[in-house]
């Protein structure tokens, strides 16, 4: 199956209708089917998030969404993953199973102050790094110059 607009319901319906795949199932490399221009630009495996496949073309997470996701992961919250059944067309809606409640970490004012204090300490630790890097750069240039002199002397005895 090839789709140009990814929707979880369409893919789920196609998978439900498909014959089971076994070691005797035909493979595309042994068929005469070709990939057309509409599907050539579509990724084979699109990125997904907790709600399913993302639309194509893919959109990046906003900085706010990304920072919240990183914060939750660093706090140990992996997010609540659940399998939601896809309603077939024309079927009566079924009450979904209630999702488990995830305990997300929250930050207090004291947590924020401790974090800023750690940040200030880290910045103080990095205060003299520019002098160290300048010294490393000077030493590297000196070694490069000495290497060039040795190589020039070898080629012009």
Foldseek 3Di string as FASTA:
>chain_A
DADLWDDPLVVVVVVVPDDDDDPPDDDPVPDPDDDDPSRPPPDPDADADLVGGATPPHDDDDPVVVVVCVQQVVQVHPDFHDDFDRDPPPDDDDDTDDTDDTDTDDDDPVNVVVVVVVVVVVVVVCVCVVVVVVVVVVVVVVVVVVVVVVVVVVVPD
